[in-house]
N, C-alpha and C. Protein backbone atom coordinates (compact mmCIF):
# COMPACT_ATOMS: atom_id res chain seq x y z
N MET A 1 -20.41 -17.54 4.43
CA MET A 1 -19.25 -18.35 4.05
C MET A 1 -18.61 -17.76 2.79
N LEU A 2 -17.29 -17.72 2.76
CA LEU A 2 -16.58 -17.17 1.61
C LEU A 2 -16.44 -18.24 0.53
N ASP A 3 -16.71 -17.83 -0.71
CA ASP A 3 -16.58 -18.80 -1.80
C ASP A 3 -15.17 -18.81 -2.37
N ASP A 4 -14.86 -19.83 -3.13
CA ASP A 4 -13.51 -20.00 -3.69
C ASP A 4 -13.12 -18.85 -4.61
N GLU A 5 -14.04 -18.33 -5.41
CA GLU A 5 -13.73 -17.24 -6.34
C GLU A 5 -13.33 -15.98 -5.57
N PHE A 6 -14.06 -15.67 -4.51
CA PHE A 6 -13.71 -14.52 -3.69
C PHE A 6 -12.32 -14.69 -3.09
N LEU A 7 -12.03 -15.86 -2.56
CA LEU A 7 -10.72 -16.10 -1.94
C LEU A 7 -9.59 -16.01 -2.96
N LYS A 8 -9.81 -16.49 -4.18
CA LYS A 8 -8.80 -16.36 -5.24
C LYS A 8 -8.55 -14.90 -5.56
N ASN A 9 -9.63 -14.12 -5.67
CA ASN A 9 -9.49 -12.69 -5.98
C ASN A 9 -8.80 -11.95 -4.85
N LEU A 10 -9.14 -12.25 -3.62
CA LEU A 10 -8.50 -11.63 -2.47
C LEU A 10 -7.01 -11.95 -2.44
N HIS A 11 -6.65 -13.19 -2.67
CA HIS A 11 -5.25 -13.60 -2.72
C HIS A 11 -4.51 -12.81 -3.79
N HIS A 12 -5.13 -12.67 -4.95
CA HIS A 12 -4.49 -11.94 -6.05
C HIS A 12 -4.22 -10.49 -5.65
N VAL A 13 -5.20 -9.82 -5.07
CA VAL A 13 -5.04 -8.41 -4.70
C VAL A 13 -3.98 -8.26 -3.62
N LEU A 14 -4.02 -9.11 -2.61
CA LEU A 14 -3.10 -8.95 -1.49
C LEU A 14 -1.67 -9.39 -1.77
N LEU A 15 -1.50 -10.41 -2.60
CA LEU A 15 -0.16 -11.00 -2.72
C LEU A 15 0.45 -10.97 -4.12
N GLU A 16 -0.33 -10.67 -5.14
CA GLU A 16 0.20 -10.77 -6.49
C GLU A 16 0.29 -9.46 -7.24
N ILE A 17 -0.29 -8.39 -6.69
CA ILE A 17 -0.22 -7.10 -7.38
C ILE A 17 0.99 -6.34 -6.85
N HIS A 18 1.80 -5.85 -7.76
CA HIS A 18 3.02 -5.13 -7.41
C HIS A 18 2.92 -3.72 -7.97
N VAL A 19 2.94 -2.72 -7.09
CA VAL A 19 2.86 -1.32 -7.50
C VAL A 19 4.27 -0.81 -7.75
N GLU A 20 4.55 -0.35 -8.96
CA GLU A 20 5.86 0.19 -9.31
C GLU A 20 5.98 1.67 -8.94
N GLU A 21 4.99 2.45 -9.27
CA GLU A 21 4.99 3.89 -9.00
C GLU A 21 3.62 4.27 -8.48
N GLY A 22 3.58 5.11 -7.46
CA GLY A 22 2.31 5.54 -6.93
C GLY A 22 2.46 6.10 -5.54
N VAL A 23 1.35 6.03 -4.80
CA VAL A 23 1.31 6.59 -3.45
C VAL A 23 0.47 5.68 -2.57
N MET A 24 0.96 5.43 -1.36
CA MET A 24 0.16 4.77 -0.33
C MET A 24 -0.33 5.87 0.60
N VAL A 25 -1.60 5.78 1.01
CA VAL A 25 -2.16 6.78 1.91
C VAL A 25 -2.56 6.10 3.22
N CYS A 26 -2.08 6.66 4.33
CA CYS A 26 -2.41 6.13 5.65
C CYS A 26 -3.88 6.42 5.93
N PRO A 27 -4.66 5.39 6.28
CA PRO A 27 -6.09 5.63 6.55
C PRO A 27 -6.33 6.37 7.86
N ASN A 28 -5.35 6.42 8.75
CA ASN A 28 -5.52 7.11 10.04
C ASN A 28 -5.19 8.60 9.96
N CYS A 29 -4.07 8.94 9.32
CA CYS A 29 -3.63 10.35 9.33
C CYS A 29 -3.64 10.98 7.94
N ASN A 30 -3.95 10.21 6.90
CA ASN A 30 -3.98 10.68 5.51
C ASN A 30 -2.62 11.12 4.98
N HIS A 31 -1.53 10.67 5.62
CA HIS A 31 -0.20 10.99 5.11
C HIS A 31 0.07 10.18 3.85
N ASN A 32 0.68 10.81 2.86
CA ASN A 32 1.03 10.14 1.60
C ASN A 32 2.45 9.61 1.67
N TYR A 33 2.62 8.34 1.31
CA TYR A 33 3.93 7.72 1.23
C TYR A 33 4.18 7.34 -0.22
N PRO A 34 5.15 7.97 -0.88
CA PRO A 34 5.40 7.68 -2.29
C PRO A 34 5.99 6.29 -2.51
N ILE A 35 5.64 5.69 -3.64
CA ILE A 35 6.20 4.40 -4.06
C ILE A 35 6.99 4.66 -5.34
N SER A 36 8.26 4.30 -5.34
CA SER A 36 9.12 4.50 -6.51
C SER A 36 9.91 3.22 -6.76
N ASN A 37 9.89 2.75 -7.98
CA ASN A 37 10.56 1.50 -8.36
C ASN A 37 10.11 0.34 -7.47
N GLY A 38 8.85 0.35 -7.08
CA GLY A 38 8.28 -0.73 -6.29
C GLY A 38 8.58 -0.67 -4.80
N ILE A 39 9.25 0.41 -4.36
CA ILE A 39 9.66 0.53 -2.96
C ILE A 39 8.93 1.71 -2.31
N PRO A 40 8.12 1.44 -1.28
CA PRO A 40 7.47 2.56 -0.59
C PRO A 40 8.47 3.28 0.32
N ASN A 41 8.44 4.61 0.29
CA ASN A 41 9.28 5.41 1.18
C ASN A 41 8.41 5.79 2.36
N MET A 42 8.61 5.11 3.49
CA MET A 42 7.78 5.34 4.66
C MET A 42 8.51 6.15 5.72
N LEU A 43 9.60 6.80 5.33
CA LEU A 43 10.33 7.67 6.25
C LEU A 43 9.68 9.04 6.24
N LEU A 44 9.59 9.66 7.40
CA LEU A 44 9.05 11.00 7.52
C LEU A 44 10.19 12.01 7.42
N ALA A 45 9.88 13.15 6.79
CA ALA A 45 10.85 14.25 6.76
C ALA A 45 10.96 14.82 8.18
N GLU A 46 12.07 15.49 8.46
CA GLU A 46 12.30 16.00 9.81
C GLU A 46 11.18 16.93 10.26
N HIS A 47 10.64 17.75 9.37
CA HIS A 47 9.57 18.68 9.74
C HIS A 47 8.23 17.97 9.98
N GLU A 48 8.12 16.70 9.60
CA GLU A 48 6.88 15.95 9.80
C GLU A 48 6.86 15.18 11.12
N ILE A 49 8.00 15.12 11.82
CA ILE A 49 8.12 14.37 13.06
C ILE A 49 7.74 15.28 14.23
N GLY A 50 6.94 14.72 15.11
CA GLY A 50 6.63 15.47 16.32
C GLY A 50 5.27 15.91 16.39
């Protein structure tokens, strides 16, 4: 059974943390998606498609 403290911490991580600058990494293909001004760029360059 999950306790209240764990659920509070999980809520904080999932919904209250805002990344301004950084990188998201896809766990399936290890592709890096840059985050700038809080916005992830999830578009692939033309050479990355296909």
